[in-house]
Amino acid sequence: MTTDTPPYRLLLSACPDAATAERIATALVEERLAACVTALPGARSVYRWQGAIEHADECVLLIKARAADYPALEQRLLALHPYDVPELLALPVLAGNPAYLAWLEARGG
């Protein structure tokens, strides 16, 4: 069993609308904090906020990034995001197409 930390992350973040998602995605890619951000519109979230059950239409971001860039990416996403408590979940990438991972390593080339 290895204790190596996987070098890449798939991050998830929900945005209130497509315009916000586009703004955040563009900033993360322009600043080379992410190689690619895919925006998935049409998400429906149900959650508890301040004691009430909320329902919201959202746009989910799939952010592909290097693990080494996570601290700066997190800081930037939190600065750009309009929510009081933005969702940001980082999942380790355990395997993938070697050519895609090389492209991701170069943050999109």
PDB file of N, CA and C in Angstrom:
ATOM      1  N   MET A   1       0.847  -1.187   0.000  1.00  0.00           N
ATOM      2  CA  MET A   1       0.000   0.000   0.000  1.00  0.00           C
ATOM      3  C   MET A   1       0.884   1.238   0.000  1.00  0.00           C
ATOM      4  N   THR A   2       0.545   2.182  -0.835  1.00  0.00           N
ATOM      5  CA  THR A   2       1.339   3.392  -0.962  1.00  0.00           C
ATOM      6  C   THR A   2       0.736   4.535  -0.153  1.00  0.00           C
ATOM      7  N   THR A   3       1.587   5.417   0.323  1.00  0.00           N
ATOM      8  CA  THR A   3       1.113   6.588   1.050  1.00  0.00           C
ATOM      9  C   THR A   3       1.261   7.850   0.207  1.00  0.00           C
ATOM     10  N   ASP A   4       1.637   7.661  -1.061  1.00  0.00           N
ATOM     11  CA  ASP A   4       1.784   8.814  -1.954  1.00  0.00           C
ATOM     12  C   ASP A   4       0.442   9.511  -2.137  1.00  0.00           C
ATOM     13  N   THR A   5       0.483  10.820  -2.153  1.00  0.00           N
ATOM     14  CA  THR A   5      -0.711  11.608  -2.408  1.00  0.00           C
ATOM     15  C   THR A   5      -0.905  11.702  -3.918  1.00  0.00           C
ATOM     16  N   PRO A   6      -2.097  11.359  -4.437  1.00  0.00           N
ATOM     17  CA  PRO A   6      -2.328  11.510  -5.871  1.00  0.00           C
ATOM     18  C   PRO A   6      -2.077  12.954  -6.296  1.00  0.00           C
ATOM     19  N   PRO A   7      -1.423  13.162  -7.450  1.00  0.00           N
ATOM     20  CA  PRO A   7      -1.031  14.519  -7.844  1.00  0.00           C
ATOM     21  C   PRO A   7      -2.141  15.380  -8.448  1.00  0.00           C
ATOM     22  N   TYR A   8      -3.317  14.784  -8.696  1.00  0.00           N
ATOM     23  CA  TYR A   8      -4.387  15.544  -9.337  1.00  0.00           C
ATOM     24  C   TYR A   8      -5.665  15.467  -8.528  1.00  0.00           C
ATOM     25  N   ARG A   9      -6.531  16.462  -8.753  1.00  0.00           N
ATOM     26  CA  ARG A   9      -7.814  16.535  -8.041  1.00  0.00           C
ATOM     27  C   ARG A   9      -8.940  16.844  -9.011  1.00  0.00           C
ATOM     28  N   LEU A  10     -10.099  16.300  -8.712  1.00  0.00           N
ATOM     29  CA  LEU A  10     -11.353  16.704  -9.333  1.00  0.00           C
ATOM     30  C   LEU A  10     -12.113  17.410  -8.241  1.00  0.00           C
ATOM     31  N   LEU A  11     -12.405  18.688  -8.446  1.00  0.00           N
ATOM     32  CA  LEU A  11     -13.083  19.489  -7.439  1.00  0.00           C
ATOM     33  C   LEU A  11     -14.504  19.780  -7.882  1.00  0.00           C
ATOM     34  N   LEU A  12     -15.405  19.820  -6.927  1.00  0.00           N
ATOM     35  CA  LEU A  12     -16.811  20.106  -7.187  1.00  0.00           C
ATOM     36  C   LEU A  12     -17.207  21.379  -6.461  1.00  0.00           C
ATOM     37  N   SER A  13     -17.943  22.224  -7.168  1.00  0.00           N
ATOM     38  CA  SER A  13     -18.463  23.433  -6.545  1.00  0.00           C
ATOM     39  C   SER A  13     -19.769  23.799  -7.233  1.00  0.00           C
ATOM     40  N   ALA A  14     -20.794  24.089  -6.452  1.00  0.00           N
ATOM     41  CA  ALA A  14     -22.091  24.497  -6.996  1.00  0.00           C
ATOM     42  C   ALA A  14     -22.176  26.018  -7.007  1.00  0.00           C
ATOM     43  N   CYS A  15     -22.710  26.553  -8.112  1.00  0.00           N
ATOM     44  CA  CYS A  15     -22.880  27.995  -8.281  1.00  0.00           C
ATOM     45  C   CYS A  15     -24.364  28.308  -8.453  1.00  0.00           C
ATOM     46  N   PRO A  16     -24.775  29.527  -8.127  1.00  0.00           N
ATOM     47  CA  PRO A  16     -26.197  29.866  -8.200  1.00  0.00           C
ATOM     48  C   PRO A  16     -26.744  29.990  -9.615  1.00  0.00           C
ATOM     49  N   ASP A  17     -25.866  30.196 -10.602  1.00  0.00           N
ATOM     50  CA  ASP A  17     -26.335  30.365 -11.973  1.00  0.00           C
ATOM     51  C   ASP A  17     -25.173  30.177 -12.948  1.00  0.00           C
ATOM     52  N   ALA A  18     -25.513  30.092 -14.234  1.00  0.00           N
ATOM     53  CA  ALA A  18     -24.515  29.851 -15.272  1.00  0.00           C
ATOM     54  C   ALA A  18     -23.523  31.006 -15.402  1.00  0.00           C
ATOM     55  N   ALA A  19     -23.979  32.226 -15.216  1.00  0.00           N
ATOM     56  CA  ALA A  19     -23.082  33.382 -15.343  1.00  0.00           C
ATOM     57  C   ALA A  19     -21.996  33.357 -14.266  1.00  0.00           C
ATOM     58  N   THR A  20     -22.381  33.030 -13.047  1.00  0.00           N
ATOM     59  CA  THR A  20     -21.398  32.921 -11.961  1.00  0.00           C
ATOM     60  C   THR A  20     -20.435  31.782 -12.237  1.00  0.00           C
ATOM     61  N   ALA A  21     -20.967  30.660 -12.681  1.00  0.00           N
ATOM     62  CA  ALA A  21     -20.130  29.500 -12.999  1.00  0.00           C
ATOM     63  C   ALA A  21     -19.115  29.855 -14.081  1.00  0.00           C
ATOM     64  N   GLU A  22     -19.556  30.555 -15.123  1.00  0.00           N
ATOM     65  CA  GLU A  22     -18.676  30.956 -16.222  1.00  0.00           C
ATOM     66  C   GLU A  22     -17.582  31.901 -15.721  1.00  0.00           C
ATOM     67  N   ARG A  23     -17.953  32.842 -14.879  1.00  0.00           N
ATOM     68  CA  ARG A  23     -16.983  33.811 -14.343  1.00  0.00           C
ATOM     69  C   ARG A  23     -15.913  33.107 -13.511  1.00  0.00           C
ATOM     70  N   ILE A  24     -16.319  32.200 -12.641  1.00  0.00           N
ATOM     71  CA  ILE A  24     -15.366  31.475 -11.791  1.00  0.00           C
ATOM     72  C   ILE A  24     -14.504  30.553 -12.638  1.00  0.00           C
ATOM     73  N   ALA A  25     -15.126  29.810 -13.553  1.00  0.00           N
ATOM     74  CA  ALA A  25     -14.385  28.881 -14.415  1.00  0.00           C
ATOM     75  C   ALA A  25     -13.320  29.617 -15.220  1.00  0.00           C
ATOM     76  N   THR A  26     -13.699  30.731 -15.813  1.00  0.00           N
ATOM     77  CA  THR A  26     -12.763  31.502 -16.632  1.00  0.00           C
ATOM     78  C   THR A  26     -11.590  32.000 -15.799  1.00  0.00           C
ATOM     79  N   ALA A  27     -11.859  32.513 -14.618  1.00  0.00           N
ATOM     80  CA  ALA A  27     -10.783  33.021 -13.757  1.00  0.00           C
ATOM     81  C   ALA A  27      -9.826  31.898 -13.371  1.00  0.00           C
ATOM     82  N   LEU A  28     -10.341  30.734 -12.995  1.00  0.00           N
ATOM     83  CA  LEU A  28      -9.474  29.635 -12.568  1.00  0.00           C
ATOM     84  C   LEU A  28      -8.585  29.133 -13.699  1.00  0.00           C
ATOM     85  N   VAL A  29      -9.137  29.083 -14.914  1.00  0.00           N
ATOM     86  CA  VAL A  29      -8.336  28.636 -16.059  1.00  0.00           C
ATOM     87  C   VAL A  29      -7.368  29.732 -16.492  1.00  0.00           C
ATOM     88  N   GLU A  30      -7.827  30.984 -16.577  1.00  0.00           N
ATOM     89  CA  GLU A  30      -6.932  32.090 -16.966  1.00  0.00           C
ATOM     90  C   GLU A  30      -5.745  32.210 -16.019  1.00  0.00           C
ATOM     91  N   GLU A  31      -5.993  31.984 -14.723  1.00  0.00           N
ATOM     92  CA  GLU A  31      -4.936  32.111 -13.724  1.00  0.00           C
ATOM     93  C   GLU A  31      -4.131  30.826 -13.556  1.00  0.00           C
ATOM     94  N   ARG A  32      -4.420  29.823 -14.393  1.00  0.00           N
ATOM     95  CA  ARG A  32      -3.711  28.545 -14.428  1.00  0.00           C
ATOM     96  C   ARG A  32      -3.796  27.785 -13.098  1.00  0.00           C
ATOM     97  N   LEU A  33      -4.872  28.005 -12.376  1.00  0.00           N
ATOM     98  CA  LEU A  33      -5.134  27.244 -11.163  1.00  0.00           C
ATOM     99  C   LEU A  33      -5.856  25.940 -11.490  1.00  0.00           C
ATOM    100  N   ALA A  34      -6.474  25.881 -12.667  1.00  0.00           N
ATOM    101  CA  ALA A  34      -7.148  24.686 -13.153  1.00  0.00           C
ATOM    102  C   ALA A  34      -6.829  24.529 -14.630  1.00  0.00           C
ATOM    103  N   ALA A  35      -6.751  23.287 -15.075  1.00  0.00           N
ATOM    104  CA  ALA A  35      -6.531  23.027 -16.497  1.00  0.00           C
ATOM    105  C   ALA A  35      -7.835  23.145 -17.269  1.00  0.00           C
ATOM    106  N   CYS A  36      -8.931  22.740 -16.625  1.00  0.00           N
ATOM    107  CA  CYS A  36     -10.231  22.714 -17.280  1.00  0.00           C
ATOM    108  C   CYS A  36     -11.315  22.803 -16.218  1.00  0.00           C
ATOM    109  N   VAL A  37     -12.382  23.502 -16.538  1.00  0.00           N
ATOM    110  CA  VAL A  37     -13.555  23.545 -15.667  1.00  0.00           C
ATOM    111  C   VAL A  37     -14.773  23.276 -16.545  1.00  0.00           C
ATOM    112  N   THR A  38     -15.532  22.275 -16.182  1.00  0.00           N
ATOM    113  CA  THR A  38     -16.751  21.934 -16.898  1.00  0.00           C
ATOM    114  C   THR A  38     -17.937  22.396 -16.069  1.00  0.00           C
ATOM    115  N   ALA A  39     -18.825  23.173 -16.678  1.00  0.00           N
ATOM    116  CA  ALA A  39     -20.021  23.669 -15.984  1.00  0.00           C
ATOM    117  C   ALA A  39     -21.210  22.806 -16.394  1.00  0.00           C
ATOM    118  N   LEU A  40     -21.891  22.259 -15.400  1.00  0.00           N
ATOM    119  CA  LEU A  40     -23.059  21.412 -15.622  1.00  0.00           C
ATOM    120  C   LEU A  40     -24.300  22.140 -15.126  1.00  0.00           C
ATOM    121  N   PRO A  41     -25.034  22.786 -16.018  1.00  0.00           N
ATOM    122  CA  PRO A  41     -26.258  23.479 -15.596  1.00  0.00           C
ATOM    123  C   PRO A  41     -27.362  22.468 -15.300  1.00  0.00           C
ATOM    124  N   GLY A  42     -28.402  22.940 -14.646  1.00  0.00           N
ATOM    125  CA  GLY A  42     -29.580  22.102 -14.431  1.00  0.00           C
ATOM    126  C   GLY A  42     -29.544  21.257 -13.177  1.00  0.00           C
ATOM    127  N   ALA A  43     -28.607  21.514 -12.278  1.00  0.00           N
ATOM    128  CA  ALA A  43     -28.575  20.777 -11.015  1.00  0.00           C
ATOM    129  C   ALA A  43     -29.668  21.316 -10.095  1.00  0.00           C
ATOM    130  N   ARG A  44     -30.243  20.465  -9.312  1.00  0.00           N
ATOM    131  CA  ARG A  44     -31.251  20.868  -8.325  1.00  0.00           C
ATOM    132  C   ARG A  44     -30.747  20.414  -6.962  1.00  0.00           C
ATOM    133  N   SER A  45     -30.503  21.347  -6.071  1.00  0.00           N
ATOM    134  CA  SER A  45     -29.981  21.038  -4.739  1.00  0.00           C
ATOM    135  C   SER A  45     -31.063  21.204  -3.683  1.00  0.00           C
ATOM    136  N   VAL A  46     -31.062  20.296  -2.734  1.00  0.00           N
ATOM    137  CA  VAL A  46     -31.923  20.376  -1.553  1.00  0.00           C
ATOM    138  C   VAL A  46     -30.992  20.290  -0.355  1.00  0.00           C
ATOM    139  N   TYR A  47     -31.074  21.275   0.523  1.00  0.00           N
ATOM    140  CA  TYR A  47     -30.146  21.336   1.650  1.00  0.00           C
ATOM    141  C   TYR A  47     -30.774  22.117   2.798  1.00  0.00           C
ATOM    142  N   ARG A  48     -30.183  21.959   3.958  1.00  0.00           N
ATOM    143  CA  ARG A  48     -30.626  22.712   5.127  1.00  0.00           C
ATOM    144  C   ARG A  48     -29.709  23.914   5.292  1.00  0.00           C
ATOM    145  N   TRP A  49     -30.286  25.109   5.409  1.00  0.00           N
ATOM    146  CA  TRP A  49     -29.517  26.337   5.615  1.00  0.00           C
ATOM    147  C   TRP A  49     -30.223  27.170   6.671  1.00  0.00           C
ATOM    148  N   GLN A  50     -29.507  27.466   7.736  1.00  0.00           N
ATOM    149  CA  GLN A  50     -30.008  28.281   8.839  1.00  0.00           C
ATOM    150  C   GLN A  50     -31.359  27.763   9.338  1.00  0.00           C
ATOM    151  N   GLY A  51     -31.441  26.442   9.478  1.00  0.00           N
ATOM    152  CA  GLY A  51     -32.605  25.799  10.064  1.00  0.00           C
ATOM    153  C   GLY A  51     -33.756  25.515   9.119  1.00  0.00           C
ATOM    154  N   ALA A  52     -33.670  25.940   7.873  1.00  0.00           N
ATOM    155  CA  ALA A  52     -34.762  25.731   6.915  1.00  0.00           C
ATOM    156  C   ALA A  52     -34.296  24.837   5.769  1.00  0.00           C
ATOM    157  N   ILE A  53     -35.209  24.055   5.231  1.00  0.00           N
ATOM    158  CA  ILE A  53     -34.912  23.252   4.048  1.00  0.00           C
ATOM    159  C   ILE A  53     -35.031  24.166   2.828  1.00  0.00           C
ATOM    160  N   GLU A  54     -33.985  24.203   2.038  1.00  0.00           N
ATOM    161  CA  GLU A  54     -33.916  25.051   0.850  1.00  0.00           C
ATOM    162  C   GLU A  54     -33.897  24.188  -0.408  1.00  0.00           C
ATOM    163  N   HIS A  55     -34.412  24.733  -1.493  1.00  0.00           N
ATOM    164  CA  HIS A  55     -34.358  24.115  -2.815  1.00  0.00           C
ATOM    165  C   HIS A  55     -33.781  25.156  -3.763  1.00  0.00           C
ATOM    166  N   ALA A  56     -32.788  24.762  -4.557  1.00  0.00           N
ATOM    167  CA  ALA A  56     -32.151  25.736  -5.438  1.00  0.00           C
ATOM    168  C   ALA A  56     -31.740  25.092  -6.756  1.00  0.00           C
ATOM    169  N   ASP A  57     -31.946  25.829  -7.839  1.00  0.00           N
ATOM    170  CA  ASP A  57     -31.382  25.449  -9.127  1.00  0.00           C
ATOM    171  C   ASP A  57     -29.954  25.971  -9.143  1.00  0.00           C
ATOM    172  N   GLU A  58     -29.021  25.117  -9.527  1.00  0.00           N
ATOM    173  CA  GLU A  58     -27.614  25.499  -9.502  1.00  0.00           C
ATOM    174  C   GLU A  58     -26.898  24.990 -10.747  1.00  0.00           C
ATOM    175  N   CYS A  59     -25.690  25.449 -10.907  1.00  0.00           N
ATOM    176  CA  CYS A  59     -24.785  24.997 -11.959  1.00  0.00           C
ATOM    177  C   CYS A  59     -23.561  24.432 -11.248  1.00  0.00           C
ATOM    178  N   VAL A  60     -23.246  23.173 -11.497  1.00  0.00           N
ATOM    179  CA  VAL A  60     -22.141  22.513 -10.809  1.00  0.00           C
ATOM    180  C   VAL A  60     -20.877  22.605 -11.654  1.00  0.00           C
ATOM    181  N   LEU A  61     -19.792  22.993 -11.013  1.00  0.00           N
ATOM    182  CA  LEU A  61     -18.489  23.036 -11.668  1.00  0.00           C
ATOM    183  C   LEU A  61     -17.720  21.762 -11.368  1.00  0.00           C
ATOM    184  N   LEU A  62     -17.141  21.166 -12.420  1.00  0.00           N
ATOM    185  CA  LEU A  62     -16.177  20.073 -12.286  1.00  0.00           C
ATOM    186  C   LEU A  62     -14.826  20.683 -12.632  1.00  0.00           C
ATOM    187  N   ILE A  63     -13.986  20.825 -11.630  1.00  0.00           N
ATOM    188  CA  ILE A  63     -12.709  21.527 -11.776  1.00  0.00           C
ATOM    189  C   ILE A  63     -11.585  20.498 -11.772  1.00  0.00           C
ATOM    190  N   LYS A  64     -10.787  20.471 -12.839  1.00  0.00           N
ATOM    191  CA  LYS A  64      -9.670  19.544 -12.927  1.00  0.00           C
ATOM    192  C   LYS A  64      -8.384  20.315 -12.661  1.00  0.00           C
ATOM    193  N   ALA A  65      -7.643  19.881 -11.638  1.00  0.00           N
ATOM    194  CA  ALA A  65      -6.483  20.662 -11.206  1.00  0.00           C
ATOM    195  C   ALA A  65      -5.409  19.770 -10.595  1.00  0.00           C
ATOM    196  N   ARG A  66      -4.236  20.341 -10.462  1.00  0.00           N
ATOM    197  CA  ARG A  66      -3.146  19.666  -9.766  1.00  0.00           C
ATOM    198  C   ARG A  66      -3.360  19.827  -8.260  1.00  0.00           C
ATOM    199  N   ALA A  67      -3.023  18.781  -7.519  1.00  0.00           N
ATOM    200  CA  ALA A  67      -3.142  18.843  -6.063  1.00  0.00           C
ATOM    201  C   ALA A  67      -2.297  19.986  -5.504  1.00  0.00           C
ATOM    202  N   ALA A  68      -1.147  20.227  -6.093  1.00  0.00           N
ATOM    203  CA  ALA A  68      -0.257  21.297  -5.614  1.00  0.00           C
ATOM    204  C   ALA A  68      -0.894  22.673  -5.736  1.00  0.00           C
ATOM    205  N   ASP A  69      -1.845  22.829  -6.659  1.00  0.00           N
ATOM    206  CA  ASP A  69      -2.499  24.124  -6.860  1.00  0.00           C
ATOM    207  C   ASP A  69      -3.729  24.309  -5.980  1.00  0.00           C
ATOM    208  N   TYR A  70      -4.088  23.269  -5.212  1.00  0.00           N
ATOM    209  CA  TYR A  70      -5.327  23.341  -4.442  1.00  0.00           C
ATOM    210  C   TYR A  70      -5.378  24.535  -3.477  1.00  0.00           C
ATOM    211  N   PRO A  71      -4.359  24.793  -2.669  1.00  0.00           N
ATOM    212  CA  PRO A  71      -4.485  25.916  -1.713  1.00  0.00           C
ATOM    213  C   PRO A  71      -4.793  27.253  -2.396  1.00  0.00           C
ATOM    214  N   ALA A  72      -4.095  27.564  -3.472  1.00  0.00           N
ATOM    215  CA  ALA A  72      -4.344  28.828  -4.179  1.00  0.00           C
ATOM    216  C   ALA A  72      -5.698  28.803  -4.874  1.00  0.00           C
ATOM    217  N   LEU A  73      -6.082  27.648  -5.431  1.00  0.00           N
ATOM    218  CA  LEU A  73      -7.380  27.520  -6.086  1.00  0.00           C
ATOM    219  C   LEU A  73      -8.501  27.717  -5.083  1.00  0.00           C
ATOM    220  N   GLU A  74      -8.374  27.109  -3.927  1.00  0.00           N
ATOM    221  CA  GLU A  74      -9.397  27.268  -2.888  1.00  0.00           C
ATOM    222  C   GLU A  74      -9.541  28.734  -2.496  1.00  0.00           C
ATOM    223  N   GLN A  75      -8.444  29.380  -2.257  1.00  0.00           N
ATOM    224  CA  GLN A  75      -8.474  30.792  -1.857  1.00  0.00           C
ATOM    225  C   GLN A  75      -9.146  31.644  -2.930  1.00  0.00           C
ATOM    226  N   ARG A  76      -8.819  31.386  -4.191  1.00  0.00           N
ATOM    227  CA  ARG A  76      -9.388  32.178  -5.288  1.00  0.00           C
ATOM    228  C   ARG A  76     -10.877  31.900  -5.457  1.00  0.00           C
ATOM    229  N   LEU A  77     -11.266  30.622  -5.415  1.00  0.00           N
ATOM    230  CA  LEU A  77     -12.685  30.285  -5.552  1.00  0.00           C
ATOM    231  C   LEU A  77     -13.497  30.923  -4.436  1.00  0.00           C
ATOM    232  N   LEU A  78     -13.004  30.865  -3.209  1.00  0.00           N
ATOM    233  CA  LEU A  78     -13.736  31.468  -2.091  1.00  0.00           C
ATOM    234  C   LEU A  78     -13.861  32.983  -2.261  1.00  0.00           C
ATOM    235  N   ALA A  79     -12.854  33.618  -2.852  1.00  0.00           N
ATOM    236  CA  ALA A  79     -12.916  35.065  -3.081  1.00  0.00           C
ATOM    237  C   ALA A  79     -13.917  35.419  -4.181  1.00  0.00           C
ATOM    238  N   LEU A  80     -14.062  34.560  -5.178  1.00  0.00           N
ATOM    239  CA  LEU A  80     -14.946  34.823  -6.306  1.00  0.00           C
ATOM    240  C   LEU A  80     -16.392  34.412  -6.076  1.00  0.00           C
ATOM    241  N   HIS A  81     -16.612  33.469  -5.195  1.00  0.00           N
ATOM    242  CA  HIS A  81     -17.931  32.839  -5.047  1.00  0.00           C
ATOM    243  C   HIS A  81     -18.887  33.712  -4.242  1.00  0.00           C
ATOM    244  N   PRO A  82     -20.153  33.815  -4.670  1.00  0.00           N
ATOM    245  CA  PRO A  82     -21.106  34.665  -3.945  1.00  0.00           C
ATOM    246  C   PRO A  82     -21.728  34.024  -2.706  1.00  0.00           C
ATOM    247  N   TYR A  83     -21.632  32.698  -2.551  1.00  0.00           N
ATOM    248  CA  TYR A  83     -22.263  32.062  -1.393  1.00  0.00           C
ATOM    249  C   TYR A  83     -21.494  32.369  -0.110  1.00  0.00           C
ATOM    250  N   ASP A  84     -22.211  32.420   1.018  1.00  0.00           N
ATOM    251  CA  ASP A  84     -21.565  32.587   2.325  1.00  0.00           C
ATOM    252  C   ASP A  84     -20.639  31.418   2.627  1.00  0.00           C
ATOM    253  N   VAL A  85     -21.080  30.210   2.271  1.00  0.00           N
ATOM    254  CA  VAL A  85     -20.302  28.989   2.501  1.00  0.00           C
ATOM    255  C   VAL A  85     -20.276  28.196   1.187  1.00  0.00           C
ATOM    256  N   PRO A  86     -19.353  28.535   0.283  1.00  0.00           N
ATOM    257  CA  PRO A  86     -19.312  27.836  -0.998  1.00  0.00           C
ATOM    258  C   PRO A  86     -18.940  26.362  -0.836  1.00  0.00           C
ATOM    259  N   GLU A  87     -19.596  25.545  -1.644  1.00  0.00           N
ATOM    260  CA  GLU A  87     -19.209  24.142  -1.724  1.00  0.00           C
ATOM    261  C   GLU A  87     -17.872  24.060  -2.444  1.00  0.00           C
ATOM    262  N   LEU A  88     -16.942  23.311  -1.876  1.00  0.00           N
ATOM    263  CA  LEU A  88     -15.702  22.974  -2.560  1.00  0.00           C
ATOM    264  C   LEU A  88     -15.235  21.643  -1.997  1.00  0.00           C
ATOM    265  N   LEU A  89     -15.393  20.601  -2.792  1.00  0.00           N
ATOM    266  CA  LEU A  89     -14.986  19.260  -2.408  1.00  0.00           C
ATOM    267  C   LEU A  89     -13.886  18.811  -3.353  1.00  0.00           C
ATOM    268  N   ALA A  90     -12.807  18.270  -2.802  1.00  0.00           N
ATOM    269  CA  ALA A  90     -11.670  17.821  -3.611  1.00  0.00           C
ATOM    270  C   ALA A  90     -11.576  16.299  -3.546  1.00  0.00           C
ATOM    271  N   LEU A  91     -11.674  15.673  -4.710  1.00  0.00           N
ATOM    272  CA  LEU A  91     -11.584  14.225  -4.816  1.00  0.00           C
ATOM    273  C   LEU A  91     -10.258  13.862  -5.469  1.00  0.00           C
ATOM    274  N   PRO A  92      -9.521  12.906  -4.926  1.00  0.00           N
ATOM    275  CA  PRO A  92      -8.254  12.525  -5.556  1.00  0.00           C
ATOM    276  C   PRO A  92      -8.506  11.787  -6.867  1.00  0.00           C
ATOM    277  N   VAL A  93      -7.681  12.072  -7.849  1.00  0.00           N
ATOM    278  CA  VAL A  93      -7.725  11.343  -9.119  1.00  0.00           C
ATOM    279  C   VAL A  93      -6.717  10.209  -8.998  1.00  0.00           C
ATOM    280  N   LEU A  94      -7.213   8.978  -8.994  1.00  0.00           N
ATOM    281  CA  LEU A  94      -6.356   7.817  -8.781  1.00  0.00           C
ATOM    282  C   LEU A  94      -5.778   7.260 -10.075  1.00  0.00           C
ATOM    283  N   ALA A  95      -6.437   7.517 -11.198  1.00  0.00           N
ATOM    284  CA  ALA A  95      -5.958   7.036 -12.492  1.00  0.00           C
ATOM    285  C   ALA A  95      -6.639   7.856 -13.577  1.00  0.00           C
ATOM    286  N   GLY A  96      -6.093   7.788 -14.783  1.00  0.00           N
ATOM    287  CA  GLY A  96      -6.688   8.491 -15.909  1.00  0.00           C
ATOM    288  C   GLY A  96      -5.870   8.287 -17.164  1.00  0.00           C
ATOM    289  N   ASN A  97      -6.381   8.775 -18.270  1.00  0.00           N
ATOM    290  CA  ASN A  97      -5.678   8.713 -19.541  1.00  0.00           C
ATOM    291  C   ASN A  97      -4.337   9.430 -19.380  1.00  0.00           C
ATOM    292  N   PRO A  98      -3.213   8.735 -19.592  1.00  0.00           N
ATOM    293  CA  PRO A  98      -1.903   9.376 -19.394  1.00  0.00           C
ATOM    294  C   PRO A  98      -1.729  10.665 -20.190  1.00  0.00           C
ATOM    295  N   ALA A  99      -2.234  10.695 -21.410  1.00  0.00           N
ATOM    296  CA  ALA A  99      -2.101  11.913 -22.216  1.00  0.00           C
ATOM    297  C   ALA A  99      -2.907  13.061 -21.597  1.00  0.00           C
ATOM    298  N   TYR A 100      -4.101  12.762 -21.087  1.00  0.00           N
ATOM    299  CA  TYR A 100      -4.917  13.804 -20.438  1.00  0.00           C
ATOM    300  C   TYR A 100      -4.240  14.280 -19.158  1.00  0.00           C
ATOM    301  N   LEU A 101      -3.692  13.354 -18.379  1.00  0.00           N
ATOM    302  CA  LEU A 101      -3.022  13.743 -17.132  1.00  0.00           C
ATOM    303  C   LEU A 101      -1.786  14.595 -17.411  1.00  0.00           C
ATOM    304  N   ALA A 102      -1.076  14.311 -18.499  1.00  0.00           N
ATOM    305  CA  ALA A 102       0.073  15.141 -18.878  1.00  0.00           C
ATOM    306  C   ALA A 102      -0.398  16.549 -19.250  1.00  0.00           C
ATOM    307  N   TRP A 103      -1.532  16.612 -19.967  1.00  0.00           N
ATOM    308  CA  TRP A 103      -2.106  17.910 -20.337  1.00  0.00           C
ATOM    309  C   TRP A 103      -2.530  18.659 -19.073  1.00  0.00           C
ATOM    310  N   LEU A 104      -3.147  17.942 -18.130  1.00  0.00           N
ATOM    311  CA  LEU A 104      -3.582  18.545 -16.860  1.00  0.00           C
ATOM    312  C   LEU A 104      -2.352  19.056 -16.096  1.00  0.00           C
ATOM    313  N   GLU A 105      -1.292  18.263 -16.089  1.00  0.00           N
ATOM    314  CA  GLU A 105      -0.042  18.664 -15.401  1.00  0.00           C
ATOM    315  C   GLU A 105       0.460  19.990 -15.946  1.00  0.00           C
ATOM    316  N   ALA A 106       0.345  20.183 -17.246  1.00  0.00           N
ATOM    317  CA  ALA A 106       0.795  21.424 -17.885  1.00  0.00           C
ATOM    318  C   ALA A 106      -0.268  22.525 -17.745  1.00  0.00           C
ATOM    319  N   ARG A 107      -1.361  22.211 -17.021  1.00  0.00           N
ATOM    320  CA  ARG A 107      -2.492  23.105 -16.817  1.00  0.00           C
ATOM    321  C   ARG A 107      -3.050  23.626 -18.133  1.00  0.00           C
ATOM    322  N   GLY A 108      -3.224  22.683 -19.044  1.00  0.00           N
ATOM    323  CA  GLY A 108      -3.863  23.010 -20.306  1.00  0.00           C
ATOM    324  C   GLY A 108      -2.903  23.403 -21.407  1.00  0.00           C
ATOM    325  N   GLY A 109      -1.630  23.366 -21.113  1.00  0.00           N
ATOM    326  CA  GLY A 109      -0.625  23.619 -22.159  1.00  0.00           C
ATOM    327  C   GLY A 109      -0.402  25.031 -22.515  1.00  0.00           C
TER     328      GLY A 109
END
